[in-house]
Protein backbone atom coordinates (compact mmCIF):
# COMPACT_ATOMS: atom_id res chain seq x y z
CA MET A 1 0.00 0.00 0.00
CA ALA A 2 2.86 2.35 0.91
CA ALA A 3 4.65 1.53 -2.38
CA ALA A 4 1.57 2.42 -4.40
CA LEU A 5 1.34 5.93 -2.93
CA PRO A 6 4.45 7.41 -4.62
CA HIS A 7 3.40 6.00 -8.01
CA SER A 8 -0.10 7.43 -7.56
CA SER A 9 1.24 10.83 -6.52
CA LEU A 10 3.60 10.85 -9.51
CA ARG A 11 0.69 10.13 -11.83
CA VAL A 12 -1.36 12.88 -10.23
CA GLY A 13 1.57 15.27 -10.70
CA ARG A 14 1.82 14.41 -14.38
CA VAL A 15 -1.92 14.92 -14.88
CA THR A 16 -1.79 18.22 -13.06
CA LYS A 17 1.11 19.43 -15.21
CA ALA A 18 -0.70 18.47 -18.42
CA GLU A 19 -3.91 20.10 -17.27
CA SER A 20 -2.09 23.29 -16.29
CA LYS A 21 -0.45 23.41 -19.71
CA VAL A 22 -3.79 23.01 -21.46
CA ALA A 23 -5.33 25.65 -19.20
CA PHE A 24 -2.50 28.06 -19.99
CA MET A 25 -2.97 27.42 -23.72
CA VAL A 26 -6.72 28.09 -23.49
CA GLY A 27 -6.08 31.23 -21.47
CA ALA A 28 -3.59 32.48 -24.05
CA MET A 29 -6.14 31.88 -26.81
CA ILE A 30 -8.81 33.80 -24.89
CA VAL A 31 -6.46 36.71 -24.22
CA SER A 32 -5.36 36.83 -27.86
CA PHE A 33 -8.99 36.85 -28.97
CA LEU A 34 -9.81 39.75 -26.64
CA VAL A 35 -6.73 41.69 -27.71
CA ALA A 36 -7.60 41.19 -31.38
CA TRP A 37 -11.29 42.05 -31.26
CA THR A 38 -11.52 44.67 -28.49
CA PRO A 39 -10.31 47.59 -30.67
CA TYR A 40 -12.78 46.62 -33.39
CA ALA A 41 -15.63 46.37 -30.88
CA VAL A 42 -14.72 49.77 -29.39
CA LEU A 43 -14.65 51.28 -32.88
CA ALA A 44 -18.05 49.77 -33.72
CA LEU A 45 -19.58 51.11 -30.49
CA LEU A 46 -18.04 54.52 -31.12
CA ILE A 47 -19.53 54.67 -34.60
CA ALA A 48 -22.92 53.38 -33.44
CA PHE A 49 -23.39 55.46 -30.29
CA GLY A 50 -20.81 58.25 -30.60
CA ASP A 51 -19.77 60.76 -33.17
CA PRO A 52 -18.85 58.86 -36.35
CA HIS A 53 -17.12 61.90 -37.82
CA ILE A 54 -14.19 61.62 -35.42
CA VAL A 55 -13.29 58.22 -36.92
CA THR A 56 -11.00 58.70 -39.88
CA PRO A 57 -10.55 56.03 -42.57
CA GLY A 58 -7.06 55.31 -41.25
CA MET A 59 -8.40 54.79 -37.73
CA ALA A 60 -11.06 52.42 -39.09
CA VAL A 61 -8.57 50.28 -41.01
CA VAL A 62 -6.19 49.52 -38.13
CA PRO A 63 -8.73 47.80 -35.78
CA ALA A 64 -10.11 45.82 -38.71
CA LEU A 65 -6.64 44.55 -39.63
CA ILE A 66 -5.90 43.62 -36.01
CA ALA A 67 -9.22 41.76 -35.79
CA LYS A 68 -8.67 39.89 -39.04
CA SER A 69 -5.21 38.84 -37.90
CA SER A 70 -6.77 36.81 -35.07
CA ILE A 71 -6.84 33.73 -37.31
CA CYS A 72 -3.04 33.58 -36.99
CA TYR A 73 -2.89 33.58 -33.20
CA ASN A 74 -4.30 30.13 -32.41
CA PRO A 75 -1.87 28.20 -34.66
CA MET A 76 1.05 30.24 -33.31
CA ILE A 77 0.00 29.57 -29.71
CA TYR A 78 -0.55 25.87 -30.38
CA VAL A 79 2.79 25.44 -32.12
CA GLY A 80 4.67 27.53 -29.57
CA LEU A 81 3.31 25.62 -26.58
CA ASN A 82 3.45 22.14 -28.12
CA THR A 83 6.84 20.62 -27.33
CA GLN A 84 6.44 17.80 -29.85
CA VAL A 85 5.79 20.20 -32.72
CA MET A 86 8.67 22.44 -31.65
CA THR A 87 11.06 19.48 -31.33
CA SER A 88 10.10 18.15 -34.75
CA GLY A 89 10.43 21.59 -36.32
CA MET A 90 13.88 22.12 -34.81
CA ALA A 91 14.96 18.69 -36.08
CA VAL A 92 13.77 19.54 -39.59
CA VAL A 93 15.54 22.92 -39.53
CA SER A 94 18.73 21.29 -38.24
CA ALA A 95 18.62 18.65 -40.98
CA LEU A 96 18.04 21.26 -43.68
CA THR A 97 20.87 23.41 -42.34
CA THR A 98 23.21 20.42 -42.33
CA LYS A 99 22.28 19.39 -45.86
CA SER A 100 22.55 22.94 -47.22
CA ASN A 101 26.34 23.03 -46.84
CA ILE A 102 26.64 21.50 -50.33
CA CYS A 103 25.52 24.90 -51.72
CA TYR A 104 28.10 27.00 -49.90
CA ASN A 105 31.24 25.90 -51.77
CA PRO A 106 29.96 26.76 -55.29
CA LEU A 107 28.67 30.13 -54.08
CA ILE A 108 31.95 30.96 -52.37
CA TYR A 109 33.96 29.84 -55.42
CA VAL A 110 31.85 31.91 -57.81
CA GLY A 111 31.79 34.93 -55.52
CA LEU A 112 35.55 35.01 -55.01
CA ASN A 113 36.55 34.09 -58.56
CA THR A 114 36.95 37.32 -60.52
CA GLN A 115 37.10 35.55 -63.89
CA VAL A 116 33.74 33.84 -63.32
CA MET A 117 32.20 37.08 -62.05
CA THR A 118 33.60 39.05 -65.01
CA SER A 119 32.29 36.48 -67.50
CA GLY A 120 28.88 36.47 -65.83
CA MET A 121 28.66 40.27 -65.88
CA ALA A 122 29.65 40.26 -69.55
CA VAL A 123 26.88 37.78 -70.36
CA VAL A 124 24.31 39.82 -68.41
CA SER A 125 25.43 43.03 -70.12
CA ALA A 126 25.17 41.40 -73.55
CA LEU A 127 21.69 40.10 -72.80
CA ILE A 128 20.55 43.54 -71.64
CA THR A 129 22.03 45.15 -74.76
CA LYS A 130 20.38 42.63 -77.07
CA SER A 131 17.03 42.98 -75.33
CA ASN A 132 16.59 46.56 -76.54
CA ILE A 133 14.91 45.21 -79.68
CA CYS A 134 11.88 44.47 -77.45
CA TYR A 135 11.62 47.93 -75.92
CA ASN A 136 10.47 49.93 -78.95
CA PRO A 137 7.38 47.79 -79.73
CA LEU A 138 6.41 47.74 -76.06
CA ILE A 139 6.85 51.50 -75.72
CA HIS A 140 4.95 52.08 -78.96
CA VAL A 141 2.05 49.89 -77.88
CA GLY A 142 2.00 51.22 -74.33
CA LEU A 143 1.97 54.88 -75.39
CA ASN A 144 -0.36 54.48 -78.35
CA THR A 145 -3.90 55.00 -77.11
CA GLN A 146 -5.46 53.69 -80.31
CA VAL A 147 -3.63 50.37 -80.04
CA MET A 148 -4.47 50.07 -76.33
CA THR A 149 -8.12 50.93 -76.97
CA SER A 150 -8.35 48.38 -79.78
CA GLY A 151 -6.70 45.72 -77.64
CA MET A 152 -9.07 46.37 -74.74
CA ALA A 153 -12.02 46.23 -77.14
CA VAL A 154 -10.84 42.85 -78.45
CA VAL A 155 -10.41 41.49 -74.92
CA SER A 156 -13.83 42.78 -73.89
CA ALA A 157 -15.43 41.23 -76.97
CA LEU A 158 -13.78 37.86 -76.29
CA ILE A 159 -14.93 37.88 -72.67
CA THR A 160 -18.46 38.76 -73.79
CA LYS A 161 -18.52 35.98 -76.39
CA TYR A 162 -17.28 33.44 -73.84
CA SER A 163 -20.54 33.88 -71.92
CA ILE A 164 -22.23 31.41 -74.25
CA CYS A 165 -20.09 28.69 -72.64
CA TYR A 166 -21.03 29.44 -69.04
CA ASN A 167 -24.66 28.32 -69.01
CA PRO A 168 -24.04 24.80 -70.42
CA MET A 169 -21.12 24.31 -68.04
CA ILE A 170 -23.18 25.46 -65.04
CA TYR A 171 -26.15 23.30 -66.15
CA VAL A 172 -24.01 20.21 -66.63
CA GLY A 173 -22.01 20.74 -63.44
CA LEU A 174 -25.08 21.19 -61.23
CA ASN A 175 -27.29 18.57 -62.90
CA THR A 176 -26.73 15.27 -61.13
CA GLN A 177 -28.57 13.28 -63.79
CA VAL A 178 -26.33 14.58 -66.56
CA MET A 179 -23.22 13.98 -64.45
CA THR A 180 -24.36 10.46 -63.57
CA SER A 181 -25.10 9.64 -67.22
CA GLY A 182 -21.74 11.04 -68.29
CA MET A 183 -19.91 8.99 -65.68
CA ALA A 184 -21.81 5.88 -66.77
CA ILE A 185 -20.83 6.49 -70.41
CA VAL A 186 -17.18 7.00 -69.50
CA SER A 187 -17.20 3.86 -67.34
CA ALA A 188 -18.78 1.84 -70.16
CA LEU A 189 -16.23 3.12 -72.68
CA ILE A 190 -13.36 2.22 -70.36
CA THR A 191 -14.84 -1.24 -69.80
CA LYS A 192 -15.41 -1.86 -73.51
CA SER A 193 -11.96 -0.61 -74.46
CA ASN A 194 -10.30 -3.69 -72.94
CA ILE A 195 -10.88 -5.49 -76.24
CA CYS A 196 -8.05 -3.35 -77.62
CA TYR A 197 -5.61 -4.30 -74.89
CA ASN A 198 -5.55 -8.05 -75.44
CA PRO A 199 -4.37 -7.98 -79.10
CA ILE A 200 -1.62 -5.50 -78.13
CA ASP A 201 -0.53 -7.73 -75.25
CA LEU A 202 -0.60 -10.81 -77.48
CA ARG A 203 1.47 -9.07 -80.14
CA ARG A 204 4.06 -8.11 -77.54
CA THR A 205 4.27 -11.68 -76.26
């Protein structure tokens, strides 16, 4: 009986530690939620019951951004307080850091080799010089309002004409009978097509 007491107390201690950790995590989530949404709630009450003219657009954007960022807090709290996730993440980072040393030597060699750097700069300079044949058409098209207007008209006409494809696609996609019949046809075609496989297999053998 006396030997069972230390084991029982140790188990109770472990349970208490786990429960305290979960309670701390829940408390952190509640605090983060209040911190995120309290400015937005104060702003909403101020607009509803106070003078809305004192709220500038800049003042209205900041509480909204803080409130919308609340979706990031729970994963951060969970990951930060979960020792298994942190240990696994550190192991992955350590492995990646160890494996990345194969990239250092080429970078150091290229960075400290003046011949390689000079050749690379010469290639880049040549490419930039040769690419000037593309600038004039782009500048001409970009600064020519007639060409831009015609291009926008063509794009608008194509988008308008594509509308004839939307209704059949929506009808087929939302009609379960049509989808079921189509799947049945495809399944039948796949099943019937096995008559083509056997002659090919026999010819190979």
